[in-house]
Amino acid sequence: MKIPYIDIHTHRLANSDEIISVQSLFLQDIDFTNAIDLPFSAAIHPWHSDKFEVVQIKQMLENLALQEKLIAIGECGLDKGYPVNYEQQEKVFELHVDFAEALHKPLIIHAVKSWNELTRIFNRVKVPVVLHGYSEGVQLTRQLIDQGCFFSLGKSVLNPSPRFRDAIQIISPTSLFLETDESDISIEQIYQEISNILELPLDLLKIQITENFNSLIGGSR
C-alpha cells in the first residue's frame, strides 16, 4: 500500500490514491442541506469576523457539527494586518475555540501580527493546534514547540528566509504538516523540499506525516 501525501490545508482539491487533501472552506459558504463527502475544515476566517452576528455564527457552527467528514475547525484566528475590528476578531475566535473543544476537533490557525495574544490563548486550549502557513523564526518556534503546537508549512519552504530555514530545522517531524493553501505548487514539491531541508528521506517523511494525521483525526473522534 502506498503512503499518501497529506495536504492538511488547501483550497484546491487533489484527492487521489496518492494524495489526501483537507479542503478549507469558509463556513458561510457551506450548503448545510447536503453532506460534504471529502475531508474538510471550516470556520469564519478572521477577515470575515465582522460580517456576521454571534448568534448567526453559533447556528452555523451547530450545523457544521452534523458533518461527518469534518476534520478540523479552521482556518480561524487573529490578524492584526487586516482592517477588521480586532475585538470582534477575538470574540469570533473564542467561539471557534469553544466549539472545537466541545467537538474535540483540532484548530487550524491563521495568525498575522498576533502571536502575543495567540500564545496566551494556546496555554489553555485543550485541543491540538495546527499553525497554517507557518514561516516564523527560531525564538517564536521554540515557544510554540513548548506549547505542543503542530506546524503546517507551505510554499514558503521553496524559498525560505535564513531565519525560517533555521526554524524548520528545529521542528520535529512528529509536529509537522505540509500544505498547498491557495498556491499552484504541488504538495509533492513541498514534501520534496522539506525532505531536502531536513535531510530526511521522502518515504520516511511521508510515513511520519501520515502518522501525525492519523493521530490528529483519531483524537478528534
C-alpha atoms as a PDB file:
ATOM      1  CA  MET A   1       0.000   0.000   0.000  1.00  0.00           C
ATOM      2  CA  LYS A   2       1.347   3.414  -0.982  1.00  0.00           C
ATOM      3  CA  ILE A   3       1.873   6.016   1.729  1.00  0.00           C
ATOM      4  CA  PRO A   4      -0.135   9.099   0.686  1.00  0.00           C
ATOM      5  CA  TYR A   5       0.881  12.713   0.590  1.00  0.00           C
ATOM      6  CA  ILE A   6      -1.209  14.635   3.164  1.00  0.00           C
ATOM      7  CA  ASP A   7      -2.211  18.195   2.252  1.00  0.00           C
ATOM      8  CA  ILE A   8      -3.584  19.435   5.565  1.00  0.00           C
ATOM      9  CA  HIS A   9      -4.877  22.788   4.260  1.00  0.00           C
ATOM     10  CA  THR A  10      -5.876  23.513   0.694  1.00  0.00           C
ATOM     11  CA  HIS A  11      -8.391  25.429  -1.367  1.00  0.00           C
ATOM     12  CA  ARG A  12      -7.577  23.288  -4.423  1.00  0.00           C
ATOM     13  CA  LEU A  13      -8.701  19.690  -4.122  1.00  0.00           C
ATOM     14  CA  ALA A  14      -6.411  16.966  -5.437  1.00  0.00           C
ATOM     15  CA  ASN A  15      -7.658  13.813  -3.729  1.00  0.00           C
ATOM     16  CA  SER A  16      -6.434  10.603  -5.322  1.00  0.00           C
ATOM     17  CA  ASP A  17      -4.919   7.285  -4.322  1.00  0.00           C
ATOM     18  CA  GLU A  18      -1.688   9.176  -3.603  1.00  0.00           C
ATOM     19  CA  ILE A  19      -2.949  12.443  -2.092  1.00  0.00           C
ATOM     20  CA  ILE A  20      -5.298  13.134   0.817  1.00  0.00           C
ATOM     21  CA  SER A  21      -6.403  16.771   0.722  1.00  0.00           C
ATOM     22  CA  VAL A  22      -8.237  18.508   3.553  1.00  0.00           C
ATOM     23  CA  GLN A  23     -10.268  21.221   1.867  1.00  0.00           C
ATOM     24  CA  SER A  24     -10.503  24.516   3.742  1.00  0.00           C
ATOM     25  CA  LEU A  25     -13.984  26.051   3.480  1.00  0.00           C
ATOM     26  CA  PHE A  26     -15.454  29.349   4.572  1.00  0.00           C
ATOM     27  CA  LEU A  27     -18.209  28.446   6.995  1.00  0.00           C
ATOM     28  CA  GLN A  28     -20.670  30.879   5.427  1.00  0.00           C
ATOM     29  CA  ASP A  29     -20.301  29.215   2.006  1.00  0.00           C
ATOM     30  CA  ILE A  30     -21.386  25.741   3.100  1.00  0.00           C
ATOM     31  CA  ASP A  31     -24.714  24.371   1.912  1.00  0.00           C
ATOM     32  CA  PHE A  32     -25.859  22.555   5.037  1.00  0.00           C
ATOM     33  CA  THR A  33     -28.643  20.763   3.181  1.00  0.00           C
ATOM     34  CA  ASN A  34     -26.030  18.402   1.709  1.00  0.00           C
ATOM     35  CA  ALA A  35     -23.354  16.228   3.275  1.00  0.00           C
ATOM     36  CA  ILE A  36     -19.768  17.057   2.358  1.00  0.00           C
ATOM     37  CA  ASP A  37     -18.226  13.806   1.189  1.00  0.00           C
ATOM     38  CA  LEU A  38     -14.481  14.601   1.407  1.00  0.00           C
ATOM     39  CA  PRO A  39     -12.298  15.559   4.404  1.00  0.00           C
ATOM     40  CA  PHE A  40     -12.599  19.263   5.176  1.00  0.00           C
ATOM     41  CA  SER A  41     -12.135  22.014   7.722  1.00  0.00           C
ATOM     42  CA  ALA A  42     -14.322  25.085   8.092  1.00  0.00           C
ATOM     43  CA  ALA A  43     -14.594  28.314  10.072  1.00  0.00           C
ATOM     44  CA  ILE A  44     -15.285  32.009   9.901  1.00  0.00           C
ATOM     45  CA  HIS A  45     -11.990  33.444   8.673  1.00  0.00           C
ATOM     46  CA  PRO A  46     -10.787  36.412  10.776  1.00  0.00           C
ATOM     47  CA  TRP A  47     -11.131  38.624   7.694  1.00  0.00           C
ATOM     48  CA  HIS A  48     -14.885  37.887   7.752  1.00  0.00           C
ATOM     49  CA  SER A  49     -15.386  38.285  11.510  1.00  0.00           C
ATOM     50  CA  ASP A  50     -17.433  41.474  11.188  1.00  0.00           C
ATOM     51  CA  LYS A  51     -19.865  40.100   8.604  1.00  0.00           C
ATOM     52  CA  PHE A  52     -21.996  38.029  10.981  1.00  0.00           C
ATOM     53  CA  GLU A  53     -23.664  38.354  14.367  1.00  0.00           C
ATOM     54  CA  VAL A  54     -22.580  35.973  17.109  1.00  0.00           C
ATOM     55  CA  VAL A  55     -25.946  34.207  17.044  1.00  0.00           C
ATOM     56  CA  GLN A  56     -25.542  33.550  13.294  1.00  0.00           C
ATOM     57  CA  ILE A  57     -22.070  32.097  13.767  1.00  0.00           C
ATOM     58  CA  LYS A  58     -23.262  29.854  16.590  1.00  0.00           C
ATOM     59  CA  GLN A  59     -26.027  28.491  14.369  1.00  0.00           C
ATOM     60  CA  MET A  60     -23.630  27.806  11.511  1.00  0.00           C
ATOM     61  CA  LEU A  61     -21.248  26.031  13.880  1.00  0.00           C
ATOM     62  CA  GLU A  62     -24.088  23.891  15.230  1.00  0.00           C
ATOM     63  CA  ASN A  63     -24.952  22.888  11.653  1.00  0.00           C
ATOM     64  CA  LEU A  64     -21.297  22.151  10.991  1.00  0.00           C
ATOM     65  CA  ALA A  65     -21.208  19.673  13.866  1.00  0.00           C
ATOM     66  CA  LEU A  66     -23.518  17.358  11.899  1.00  0.00           C
ATOM     67  CA  GLN A  67     -20.990  16.892   9.069  1.00  0.00           C
ATOM     68  CA  GLU A  68     -19.222  13.540   9.428  1.00  0.00           C
ATOM     69  CA  LYS A  69     -16.234  14.467   7.223  1.00  0.00           C
ATOM     70  CA  LEU A  70     -15.311  17.476   9.366  1.00  0.00           C
ATOM     71  CA  ILE A  71     -11.617  17.067  10.259  1.00  0.00           C
ATOM     72  CA  ALA A  72     -10.820  20.371  11.971  1.00  0.00           C
ATOM     73  CA  ILE A  73     -12.101  23.848  12.829  1.00  0.00           C
ATOM     74  CA  GLY A  74     -10.338  26.449  10.754  1.00  0.00           C
ATOM     75  CA  GLU A  75      -8.884  28.384   9.422  1.00  0.00           C
ATOM     76  CA  CYS A  76      -9.680  30.708  12.273  1.00  0.00           C
ATOM     77  CA  GLY A  77      -7.521  33.015  14.346  1.00  0.00           C
ATOM     78  CA  LEU A  78      -6.369  36.614  14.614  1.00  0.00           C
ATOM     79  CA  ASP A  79      -4.955  39.030  12.041  1.00  0.00           C
ATOM     80  CA  LYS A  80      -3.754  42.488  13.035  1.00  0.00           C
ATOM     81  CA  GLY A  81      -2.691  43.163   9.465  1.00  0.00           C
ATOM     82  CA  TYR A  82      -6.258  43.170   8.116  1.00  0.00           C
ATOM     83  CA  PRO A  83      -8.738  46.044   8.600  1.00  0.00           C
ATOM     84  CA  VAL A  84     -11.353  44.211  10.674  1.00  0.00           C
ATOM     85  CA  ASN A  85     -12.077  45.261  14.265  1.00  0.00           C
ATOM     86  CA  TYR A  86      -9.659  43.296  16.426  1.00  0.00           C
ATOM     87  CA  GLU A  87     -12.002  42.908  19.390  1.00  0.00           C
ATOM     88  CA  GLN A  88     -14.573  41.372  17.055  1.00  0.00           C
ATOM     89  CA  GLN A  89     -11.923  39.001  15.710  1.00  0.00           C
ATOM     90  CA  GLU A  90     -11.125  37.911  19.260  1.00  0.00           C
ATOM     91  CA  LYS A  91     -14.777  37.335  20.071  1.00  0.00           C
ATOM     92  CA  VAL A  92     -15.327  35.207  16.961  1.00  0.00           C
ATOM     93  CA  PHE A  93     -12.116  33.276  17.536  1.00  0.00           C
ATOM     94  CA  GLU A  94     -13.152  32.405  21.091  1.00  0.00           C
ATOM     95  CA  LEU A  95     -16.397  30.979  19.682  1.00  0.00           C
ATOM     96  CA  HIS A  96     -14.340  28.673  17.482  1.00  0.00           C
ATOM     97  CA  VAL A  97     -12.095  27.606  20.354  1.00  0.00           C
ATOM     98  CA  ASP A  98     -15.114  26.715  22.485  1.00  0.00           C
ATOM     99  CA  PHE A  99     -16.723  24.844  19.594  1.00  0.00           C
ATOM    100  CA  ALA A 100     -13.558  22.888  18.768  1.00  0.00           C
ATOM    101  CA  GLU A 101     -13.190  21.866  22.386  1.00  0.00           C
ATOM    102  CA  ALA A 102     -16.825  20.783  22.584  1.00  0.00           C
ATOM    103  CA  LEU A 103     -16.363  18.568  19.489  1.00  0.00           C
ATOM    104  CA  HIS A 104     -12.794  17.505  20.364  1.00  0.00           C
ATOM    105  CA  LYS A 105     -11.604  18.752  16.974  1.00  0.00           C
ATOM    106  CA  PRO A 106      -8.217  20.364  16.231  1.00  0.00           C
ATOM    107  CA  LEU A 107      -7.916  24.031  15.340  1.00  0.00           C
ATOM    108  CA  ILE A 108      -6.244  25.275  12.159  1.00  0.00           C
ATOM    109  CA  ILE A 109      -4.892  28.719  12.965  1.00  0.00           C
ATOM    110  CA  HIS A 110      -4.467  31.822  10.824  1.00  0.00           C
ATOM    111  CA  ALA A 111      -2.045  34.185  12.599  1.00  0.00           C
ATOM    112  CA  VAL A 112      -0.729  37.565  11.452  1.00  0.00           C
ATOM    113  CA  LYS A 113       0.991  40.003  13.850  1.00  0.00           C
ATOM    114  CA  SER A 114      -0.949  38.477  16.752  1.00  0.00           C
ATOM    115  CA  TRP A 115       1.395  35.921  18.278  1.00  0.00           C
ATOM    116  CA  ASN A 116       1.436  37.501  21.754  1.00  0.00           C
ATOM    117  CA  GLU A 117      -2.322  37.107  22.063  1.00  0.00           C
ATOM    118  CA  LEU A 118      -2.418  33.672  20.461  1.00  0.00           C
ATOM    119  CA  THR A 119       0.353  32.149  22.561  1.00  0.00           C
ATOM    120  CA  ARG A 120      -1.535  33.193  25.688  1.00  0.00           C
ATOM    121  CA  ILE A 121      -4.674  31.500  24.346  1.00  0.00           C
ATOM    122  CA  PHE A 122      -2.764  28.343  23.375  1.00  0.00           C
ATOM    123  CA  ASN A 123      -1.769  27.900  27.024  1.00  0.00           C
ATOM    124  CA  ARG A 124      -5.355  26.984  27.854  1.00  0.00           C
ATOM    125  CA  VAL A 125      -6.616  25.378  24.620  1.00  0.00           C
ATOM    126  CA  LYS A 126      -7.462  21.706  25.174  1.00  0.00           C
ATOM    127  CA  VAL A 127      -7.353  20.518  21.540  1.00  0.00           C
ATOM    128  CA  PRO A 128      -4.447  20.233  19.074  1.00  0.00           C
ATOM    129  CA  VAL A 129      -3.421  23.435  17.316  1.00  0.00           C
ATOM    130  CA  VAL A 130      -2.151  23.430  13.714  1.00  0.00           C
ATOM    131  CA  LEU A 131      -0.408  26.658  12.641  1.00  0.00           C
ATOM    132  CA  HIS A 132      -1.340  27.168   8.992  1.00  0.00           C
ATOM    133  CA  GLY A 133       1.204  28.689   6.605  1.00  0.00           C
ATOM    134  CA  TYR A 134       3.851  28.944   9.314  1.00  0.00           C
ATOM    135  CA  SER A 135       7.021  30.889   8.407  1.00  0.00           C
ATOM    136  CA  GLU A 136       8.385  32.436  11.605  1.00  0.00           C
ATOM    137  CA  GLY A 137      11.826  32.425  13.228  1.00  0.00           C
ATOM    138  CA  VAL A 138      13.566  30.274  15.809  1.00  0.00           C
ATOM    139  CA  GLN A 139      12.645  32.131  19.002  1.00  0.00           C
ATOM    140  CA  LEU A 140       8.875  32.018  18.440  1.00  0.00           C
ATOM    141  CA  THR A 141       9.131  28.488  17.059  1.00  0.00           C
ATOM    142  CA  ARG A 142      10.789  27.255  20.266  1.00  0.00           C
ATOM    143  CA  GLN A 143       7.961  28.782  22.319  1.00  0.00           C
ATOM    144  CA  LEU A 144       5.310  27.165  20.126  1.00  0.00           C
ATOM    145  CA  ILE A 145       7.095  23.811  20.254  1.00  0.00           C
ATOM    146  CA  ASP A 146       6.974  24.032  24.055  1.00  0.00           C
ATOM    147  CA  GLN A 147       3.226  24.668  23.791  1.00  0.00           C
ATOM    148  CA  GLY A 148       2.758  21.470  21.779  1.00  0.00           C
ATOM    149  CA  CYS A 149       1.691  23.109  18.518  1.00  0.00           C
ATOM    150  CA  PHE A 150       1.789  21.486  15.089  1.00  0.00           C
ATOM    151  CA  PHE A 151       3.400  23.450  12.242  1.00  0.00           C
ATOM    152  CA  SER A 152       1.899  23.402   8.736  1.00  0.00           C
ATOM    153  CA  LEU A 153       4.413  24.608   6.152  1.00  0.00           C
ATOM    154  CA  GLY A 154       3.548  25.663   2.632  1.00  0.00           C
ATOM    155  CA  LYS A 155       5.021  27.289  -0.456  1.00  0.00           C
ATOM    156  CA  SER A 156       7.377  29.484   1.604  1.00  0.00           C
ATOM    157  CA  VAL A 157       9.611  26.425   2.083  1.00  0.00           C
ATOM    158  CA  LEU A 158      10.621  26.682  -1.577  1.00  0.00           C
ATOM    159  CA  ASN A 159      12.480  29.947  -0.933  1.00  0.00           C
ATOM    160  CA  PRO A 160      12.830  30.237   2.849  1.00  0.00           C
ATOM    161  CA  SER A 161      14.476  33.173   4.564  1.00  0.00           C
ATOM    162  CA  PRO A 162      17.531  32.212   6.638  1.00  0.00           C
ATOM    163  CA  ARG A 163      15.536  32.697   9.871  1.00  0.00           C
ATOM    164  CA  PHE A 164      12.718  30.464   8.648  1.00  0.00           C
ATOM    165  CA  ARG A 165      15.112  27.808   7.382  1.00  0.00           C
ATOM    166  CA  ASP A 166      16.731  27.709  10.827  1.00  0.00           C
ATOM    167  CA  ALA A 167      13.272  27.347  12.388  1.00  0.00           C
ATOM    168  CA  ILE A 168      12.319  24.473  10.080  1.00  0.00           C
ATOM    169  CA  GLN A 169      15.357  22.544  11.237  1.00  0.00           C
ATOM    170  CA  ILE A 170      14.304  22.625  14.906  1.00  0.00           C
ATOM    171  CA  ILE A 171      10.729  21.437  14.241  1.00  0.00           C
ATOM    172  CA  SER A 172      10.388  17.742  14.977  1.00  0.00           C
ATOM    173  CA  PRO A 173       8.858  15.732  12.105  1.00  0.00           C
ATOM    174  CA  THR A 174       6.344  14.483  14.713  1.00  0.00           C
ATOM    175  CA  SER A 175       4.968  18.065  14.861  1.00  0.00           C
ATOM    176  CA  LEU A 176       4.931  18.678  11.126  1.00  0.00           C
ATOM    177  CA  PHE A 177       2.272  19.041   8.428  1.00  0.00           C
ATOM    178  CA  LEU A 178       2.527  20.354   4.871  1.00  0.00           C
ATOM    179  CA  GLU A 179       0.006  22.293   2.788  1.00  0.00           C
ATOM    180  CA  THR A 180      -0.635  23.934  -0.571  1.00  0.00           C
ATOM    181  CA  ASP A 181      -3.213  26.521   0.598  1.00  0.00           C
ATOM    182  CA  GLU A 182      -4.130  28.579  -2.497  1.00  0.00           C
ATOM    183  CA  SER A 183      -0.909  28.044  -4.437  1.00  0.00           C
ATOM    184  CA  ASP A 184      -0.492  26.159  -7.705  1.00  0.00           C
ATOM    185  CA  ILE A 185       2.568  24.381  -6.301  1.00  0.00           C
ATOM    186  CA  SER A 186       2.036  20.657  -5.840  1.00  0.00           C
ATOM    187  CA  ILE A 187       2.096  19.016  -2.436  1.00  0.00           C
ATOM    188  CA  GLU A 188       4.701  16.602  -3.828  1.00  0.00           C
ATOM    189  CA  GLN A 189       7.051  19.519  -4.491  1.00  0.00           C
ATOM    190  CA  ILE A 190       6.630  20.849  -0.953  1.00  0.00           C
ATOM    191  CA  TYR A 191       7.300  17.405   0.510  1.00  0.00           C
ATOM    192  CA  GLN A 192      10.456  17.051  -1.565  1.00  0.00           C
ATOM    193  CA  GLU A 193      11.778  20.419  -0.437  1.00  0.00           C
ATOM    194  CA  ILE A 194      11.209  19.632   3.237  1.00  0.00           C
ATOM    195  CA  SER A 195      12.816  16.243   2.713  1.00  0.00           C
ATOM    196  CA  ASN A 196      15.893  18.059   1.390  1.00  0.00           C
ATOM    197  CA  ILE A 197      15.993  20.673   4.172  1.00  0.00           C
ATOM    198  CA  LEU A 198      15.599  18.127   6.959  1.00  0.00           C
ATOM    199  CA  GLU A 199      17.796  15.555   5.210  1.00  0.00           C
ATOM    200  CA  LEU A 200      15.016  13.067   5.846  1.00  0.00           C
ATOM    201  CA  PRO A 201      14.218  10.502   3.119  1.00  0.00           C
ATOM    202  CA  LEU A 202      10.953  11.282   1.375  1.00  0.00           C
ATOM    203  CA  ASP A 203       9.361   7.930   2.242  1.00  0.00           C
ATOM    204  CA  LEU A 204      10.129   8.413   5.942  1.00  0.00           C
ATOM    205  CA  LEU A 205       8.731  11.957   5.824  1.00  0.00           C
ATOM    206  CA  LYS A 206       5.510  10.677   4.223  1.00  0.00           C
ATOM    207  CA  ILE A 207       5.175   7.939   6.847  1.00  0.00           C
ATOM    208  CA  GLN A 208       5.683  10.392   9.705  1.00  0.00           C
ATOM    209  CA  ILE A 209       3.189  12.978   8.429  1.00  0.00           C
ATOM    210  CA  THR A 210       0.639  10.236   7.797  1.00  0.00           C
ATOM    211  CA  GLU A 211       1.111   9.101  11.401  1.00  0.00           C
ATOM    212  CA  ASN A 212       0.693  12.709  12.553  1.00  0.00           C
ATOM    213  CA  PHE A 213      -2.532  12.980  10.550  1.00  0.00           C
ATOM    214  CA  ASN A 214      -3.968   9.721  11.849  1.00  0.00           C
ATOM    215  CA  SER A 215      -3.171  10.794  15.404  1.00  0.00           C
ATOM    216  CA  LEU A 216      -4.717  14.221  14.832  1.00  0.00           C
ATOM    217  CA  ILE A 217      -8.009  12.968  13.436  1.00  0.00           C
ATOM    218  CA  GLY A 218      -8.093   9.913  15.690  1.00  0.00           C
ATOM    219  CA  GLY A 219      -8.037  12.142  18.730  1.00  0.00           C
ATOM    220  CA  SER A 220     -10.846  14.252  17.306  1.00  0.00           C
ATOM    221  CA  ARG A 221     -13.440  11.479  17.113  1.00  0.00           C
END
